[in-house]
Amino acid sequence: MTAPASVPAPAATAKAAASATPPPRPAGRWKPWLAFGVIAVITAVTLSPQLGIAFSLDAIARNWHNGAAKIVQLLQPDWSFFPRTIPPMLETLEMAVIATAVSTLIALPLSLWAARLTNPHRVGRGIVRVILNIVRAVPELLYAAILVAMVGVGALPGILALVLFNVGIIVKLVSEAIESNDAGPLEAARAAGGTQAQINRAVALPDVWPSFVNQVLYVLELNVRSGTVLGLVGAGGIGLLIDAVRTYFRYDQLSVIILEVLVVVILLELVSSAIRKRLV
């Protein structure tokens, strides 16, 4: 006589049925499509001739031969012009180094004053942030144009413009890095009776030092790039030579300057990467 088949328990049956049921679709699947549609509409409006910038490829089709002629000149660099580029290129590097050093000294205390963890005073912190937002909102080329009118043509207005540009960037990035750190060590030092200055010097500064060094090296690279164009408004450096060469349509000589700037930027980036590996 055969034994009767075992009947599954109701709980096991319900569990198996639940596992066989597909999970519900996640909510909000329409949001990426909505964002894509909004971007497409905004792009179409900005490209329309009535409401936008009237973007058209007709100008390229009409004037492509002018661009082709300039490219041919750029591909034929005049290497005899290279010795004339060395002094202004060295001046650009000196401007970048001096501006980075000065802005580093200014930005370090401002970074601590602009962060919530290292400056609990809301009013003072707000004043520092508002001033730095205003400083950061003005492009460095506009700073250079104004300073050239104030102090004259040369490297000084370029250095001052780069310092203003650097301070805004360094303080913004470093203060955000401070606020993203763990507040536990700072609270422990405050509970031990330390003043805010002592806490910032002994606890916050060692913690934020790698990020600060990283941003300073990044700003040094930016200064070399920015210093090459500040001379277009009379702020010294290789930009003055670029403006002179461009005025006389000597694109073969301009090609030499472009290649020189490219090599300098690549070498500087390699040096910065090596320093980051040792210090950060």
Protein backbone atom coordinates (compact mmCIF):
# COMPACT_ATOMS: atom_id res chain seq x y z
CA MET A 1 0.00 0.00 0.00
CA THR A 2 1.54 3.35 -1.07
CA ALA A 3 1.82 6.26 1.33
CA PRO A 4 -0.25 9.32 0.50
CA ALA A 5 1.62 12.29 -1.05
CA SER A 6 2.50 15.02 1.40
CA VAL A 7 0.42 18.16 1.06
CA PRO A 8 2.46 21.38 1.10
CA ALA A 9 1.82 23.70 3.98
CA PRO A 10 -0.21 26.86 3.20
CA ALA A 11 2.64 29.13 4.34
CA ALA A 12 5.11 27.43 2.00
CA THR A 13 2.64 27.67 -0.88
CA ALA A 14 2.11 31.39 -0.29
CA LYS A 15 5.86 31.98 -0.08
CA ALA A 16 6.50 30.16 -3.34
CA ALA A 17 3.73 32.14 -5.07
CA ALA A 18 5.15 35.40 -3.78
CA SER A 19 8.63 34.52 -5.04
CA ALA A 20 7.25 33.66 -8.46
CA THR A 21 5.48 37.03 -8.76
CA PRO A 22 7.65 39.59 -10.62
CA PRO A 23 8.55 42.69 -8.58
CA PRO A 24 6.74 45.91 -9.42
CA ARG A 25 8.33 48.34 -11.80
CA PRO A 26 10.30 51.10 -10.07
CA ALA A 27 8.50 54.39 -9.81
CA GLY A 28 9.77 57.46 -11.62
CA ARG A 29 10.92 55.77 -14.82
CA TRP A 30 9.48 58.71 -16.75
CA LYS A 31 11.82 61.26 -15.10
CA PRO A 32 14.89 60.66 -17.35
CA TRP A 33 12.67 60.95 -20.43
CA LEU A 34 11.20 64.18 -19.06
CA ALA A 35 14.67 65.59 -18.45
CA PHE A 36 15.73 64.58 -21.97
CA GLY A 37 12.64 66.27 -23.42
CA VAL A 38 13.27 69.48 -21.48
CA ILE A 39 16.90 69.60 -22.66
CA ALA A 40 15.79 68.98 -26.26
CA VAL A 41 13.22 71.79 -26.08
CA ILE A 42 15.71 74.24 -24.56
CA THR A 43 18.28 73.34 -27.22
CA ALA A 44 15.74 73.82 -30.01
CA VAL A 45 14.68 77.21 -28.62
CA THR A 46 18.26 78.47 -28.25
CA LEU A 47 19.06 77.44 -31.83
CA SER A 48 15.95 78.99 -33.35
CA PRO A 49 16.47 82.23 -35.31
CA GLN A 50 13.54 83.95 -33.59
CA LEU A 51 14.33 83.31 -29.92
CA GLY A 52 17.86 81.92 -29.87
CA ILE A 53 21.30 82.61 -31.30
CA ALA A 54 20.37 81.75 -34.90
CA PHE A 55 22.97 79.00 -35.12
CA SER A 56 23.70 77.95 -38.66
CA LEU A 57 26.39 76.06 -40.53
CA ASP A 58 26.13 78.37 -43.54
CA ALA A 59 29.06 80.49 -42.35
CA ILE A 60 31.28 77.40 -42.27
CA ALA A 61 30.14 76.39 -45.74
CA ARG A 62 30.84 79.87 -47.11
CA ASN A 63 34.19 80.50 -45.41
CA TRP A 64 35.74 77.06 -45.09
CA HIS A 65 38.58 77.98 -47.46
CA ASN A 66 39.70 80.75 -45.06
CA GLY A 67 39.96 78.24 -42.23
CA ALA A 68 41.79 75.78 -44.45
CA ALA A 69 44.39 78.41 -45.34
CA LYS A 70 44.96 79.23 -41.66
CA ILE A 71 45.33 75.54 -40.80
CA VAL A 72 47.94 75.13 -43.53
CA GLN A 73 49.92 78.02 -42.03
CA LEU A 74 49.62 76.54 -38.54
CA LEU A 75 51.00 73.25 -39.83
CA GLN A 76 54.12 75.04 -41.09
CA PRO A 77 55.69 76.52 -37.92
CA ASP A 78 58.47 79.06 -38.30
CA TRP A 79 61.12 77.60 -35.97
CA SER A 80 63.40 80.60 -36.45
CA PHE A 81 60.88 82.53 -34.34
CA PHE A 82 61.37 80.24 -31.33
CA PRO A 83 64.17 82.24 -29.58
CA ARG A 84 61.90 85.28 -29.38
CA THR A 85 59.29 83.27 -27.48
CA ILE A 86 61.57 82.19 -24.62
CA PRO A 87 61.69 85.46 -22.56
CA PRO A 88 57.90 86.06 -22.60
CA MET A 89 57.27 82.37 -21.85
CA LEU A 90 59.58 82.59 -18.83
CA GLU A 91 57.71 85.71 -17.74
CA THR A 92 54.42 83.79 -17.95
CA LEU A 93 55.85 81.01 -15.76
CA GLU A 94 57.15 83.55 -13.25
CA MET A 95 53.73 85.21 -13.13
CA ALA A 96 52.08 81.84 -12.52
CA VAL A 97 54.47 80.89 -9.71
CA ILE A 98 54.28 84.27 -7.95
CA ALA A 99 50.48 84.40 -8.20
CA THR A 100 50.18 80.86 -6.87
CA ALA A 101 52.47 81.58 -3.89
CA VAL A 102 50.65 84.80 -2.95
CA SER A 103 47.18 83.32 -3.37
CA THR A 104 48.19 80.29 -1.28
CA LEU A 105 49.06 82.52 1.69
CA ILE A 106 45.77 84.39 1.35
CA ALA A 107 43.53 81.40 0.64
CA LEU A 108 44.64 79.20 3.55
CA PRO A 109 43.07 81.25 6.38
CA LEU A 110 40.10 82.22 4.20
CA SER A 111 39.36 78.54 3.55
CA LEU A 112 39.13 77.94 7.30
CA TRP A 113 36.95 81.02 7.78
CA ALA A 114 34.58 80.02 4.96
CA ALA A 115 33.85 76.48 6.24
CA ARG A 116 31.13 75.74 8.78
CA LEU A 117 33.20 73.23 10.77
CA THR A 118 36.13 75.60 11.26
CA ASN A 119 34.15 78.83 11.66
CA PRO A 120 30.97 78.44 13.71
CA HIS A 121 30.17 82.16 13.52
CA ARG A 122 27.43 82.36 10.92
CA VAL A 123 27.65 86.10 10.22
CA GLY A 124 31.41 86.16 9.71
CA ARG A 125 31.28 83.02 7.61
CA GLY A 126 28.51 84.49 5.48
CA ILE A 127 30.45 87.71 4.88
CA VAL A 128 33.53 85.77 3.75
CA ARG A 129 31.46 83.61 1.40
CA VAL A 130 29.62 86.56 -0.15
CA ILE A 131 32.87 88.44 -0.83
CA LEU A 132 34.48 85.36 -2.36
CA ASN A 133 31.42 84.69 -4.52
CA ILE A 134 31.71 88.20 -5.90
CA VAL A 135 35.44 87.78 -6.51
CA ARG A 136 34.93 84.42 -8.22
CA ALA A 137 32.12 85.72 -10.44
CA VAL A 138 34.44 88.08 -12.36
CA PRO A 139 36.60 86.43 -15.07
CA GLU A 140 40.35 86.82 -14.72
CA LEU A 141 40.57 88.45 -18.17
CA LEU A 142 38.25 91.23 -17.01
CA TYR A 143 40.33 91.66 -13.85
CA ALA A 144 43.42 91.97 -16.02
CA ALA A 145 41.81 94.58 -18.31
CA ILE A 146 40.77 96.71 -15.33
CA LEU A 147 44.14 96.38 -13.58
CA VAL A 148 46.05 97.27 -16.75
CA ALA A 149 44.10 100.53 -16.85
CA MET A 150 44.92 101.12 -13.17
CA VAL A 151 48.61 100.15 -12.86
CA GLY A 152 49.78 100.04 -16.47
CA VAL A 153 50.94 97.42 -18.93
CA GLY A 154 53.19 94.66 -17.64
CA ALA A 155 53.34 91.59 -15.45
CA LEU A 156 51.97 93.24 -12.28
CA PRO A 157 48.32 93.47 -13.41
CA GLY A 158 48.54 89.89 -14.65
CA ILE A 159 49.81 88.66 -11.27
CA LEU A 160 47.10 90.57 -9.40
CA ALA A 161 44.40 89.21 -11.70
CA LEU A 162 45.64 85.66 -11.23
CA VAL A 163 45.75 86.11 -7.44
CA LEU A 164 42.10 87.19 -7.35
CA PHE A 165 41.15 84.32 -9.64
CA ASN A 166 43.12 81.78 -7.58
CA VAL A 167 41.80 82.84 -4.18
CA GLY A 168 38.20 82.37 -5.29
CA ILE A 169 38.85 78.88 -6.65
CA ILE A 170 41.05 77.59 -3.80
CA VAL A 171 38.78 78.82 -1.02
CA LYS A 172 35.69 77.42 -2.70
CA LEU A 173 37.12 73.92 -3.21
CA VAL A 174 39.04 73.66 0.07
CA SER A 175 36.16 74.93 2.23
CA GLU A 176 33.86 72.35 0.66
CA ALA A 177 36.47 69.66 1.38
CA ILE A 178 36.59 70.78 5.02
CA GLU A 179 32.82 70.55 5.39
CA SER A 180 32.79 67.05 3.91
CA ASN A 181 35.26 65.79 6.55
CA ASP A 182 34.27 64.07 9.79
CA ALA A 183 33.32 66.56 12.49
CA GLY A 184 34.14 64.15 15.32
CA PRO A 185 37.80 65.17 15.89
CA LEU A 186 36.85 68.85 15.87
CA GLU A 187 34.07 68.30 18.39
CA ALA A 188 36.40 66.27 20.60
CA ALA A 189 39.01 69.05 20.55
CA ARG A 190 36.31 71.60 21.36
CA ALA A 191 35.06 69.47 24.25
CA ALA A 192 38.65 69.31 25.57
CA GLY A 193 38.62 73.10 25.94
CA GLY A 194 40.54 74.17 22.85
CA THR A 195 39.87 77.53 21.23
CA GLN A 196 38.74 77.67 17.62
CA ALA A 197 42.17 78.86 16.47
CA GLN A 198 43.86 75.99 18.31
CA ILE A 199 41.37 73.49 16.88
CA ASN A 200 41.90 74.76 13.34
CA ARG A 201 45.68 74.66 13.66
CA ALA A 202 46.02 71.31 15.42
CA VAL A 203 43.09 69.30 14.01
CA ALA A 204 41.51 70.85 10.92
CA LEU A 205 44.65 71.96 9.11
CA PRO A 206 46.45 68.57 9.10
CA ASP A 207 43.23 66.94 7.94
CA VAL A 208 42.66 69.32 5.04
CA TRP A 209 46.33 69.73 4.06
CA PRO A 210 46.33 67.05 1.28
CA SER A 211 43.28 68.61 -0.37
CA PHE A 212 44.79 72.08 -0.05
CA VAL A 213 48.07 71.02 -1.70
CA ASN A 214 46.13 69.32 -4.47
CA GLN A 215 44.13 72.46 -5.22
CA VAL A 216 47.23 74.66 -5.16
CA LEU A 217 48.94 72.47 -7.74
CA TYR A 218 45.79 72.51 -9.85
CA VAL A 219 45.68 76.31 -9.67
CA LEU A 220 49.34 76.50 -10.72
CA GLU A 221 48.47 74.60 -13.89
CA LEU A 222 45.52 76.93 -14.48
CA ASN A 223 47.73 79.98 -14.04
CA VAL A 224 50.03 78.91 -16.85
CA ARG A 225 47.06 78.47 -19.17
CA SER A 226 45.40 81.70 -18.07
CA GLY A 227 48.67 83.64 -18.17
CA THR A 228 49.02 82.92 -21.88
CA VAL A 229 45.89 84.95 -22.66
CA LEU A 230 46.14 87.74 -20.10
CA GLY A 231 48.73 89.42 -22.30
CA LEU A 232 46.03 89.97 -24.91
CA VAL A 233 44.84 92.89 -22.76
CA GLY A 234 48.38 94.04 -21.86
CA ALA A 235 48.94 92.02 -18.68
CA GLY A 236 52.38 90.70 -19.65
CA GLY A 237 53.65 87.27 -20.52
CA ILE A 238 53.46 85.33 -23.74
CA GLY A 239 50.03 86.79 -24.45
CA LEU A 240 51.60 90.07 -25.56
CA LEU A 241 53.57 88.20 -28.20
CA ILE A 242 50.48 86.22 -29.22
CA ASP A 243 48.59 89.48 -29.74
CA ALA A 244 51.40 90.93 -31.85
CA VAL A 245 51.73 87.83 -34.01
CA ARG A 246 47.98 87.54 -34.46
CA THR A 247 47.72 91.18 -35.49
CA TYR A 248 50.09 90.56 -38.42
CA PHE A 249 48.42 87.23 -39.33
CA ARG A 250 51.66 85.30 -38.79
CA TYR A 251 50.02 81.97 -38.07
CA ASP A 252 53.26 80.14 -38.75
CA GLN A 253 54.80 81.98 -35.79
CA LEU A 254 51.63 81.51 -33.74
CA SER A 255 51.98 77.77 -34.30
CA VAL A 256 55.39 77.85 -32.58
CA ILE A 257 53.87 79.59 -29.55
CA ILE A 258 50.99 77.10 -29.38
CA LEU A 259 53.38 74.15 -29.46
CA GLU A 260 55.58 75.75 -26.81
CA VAL A 261 52.63 76.35 -24.49
CA LEU A 262 51.45 72.78 -25.06
CA VAL A 263 54.85 71.35 -24.09
CA VAL A 264 55.10 73.57 -21.00
CA VAL A 265 51.61 72.62 -19.82
CA ILE A 266 52.30 68.89 -20.28
CA LEU A 267 55.63 69.11 -18.41
CA LEU A 268 54.00 71.08 -15.60
CA GLU A 269 51.24 68.51 -15.31
CA LEU A 270 53.79 65.70 -15.04
CA VAL A 271 55.69 67.57 -12.32
CA SER A 272 52.45 68.28 -10.45
CA SER A 273 51.45 64.62 -10.61
CA ALA A 274 54.82 63.60 -9.17
CA ILE A 275 54.46 66.11 -6.33
CA ARG A 276 50.92 64.90 -5.58
CA LYS A 277 52.14 61.33 -5.22
CA ARG A 278 54.72 62.44 -2.65
CA LEU A 279 52.71 64.98 -0.65
CA VAL A 280 49.05 64.03 -0.99
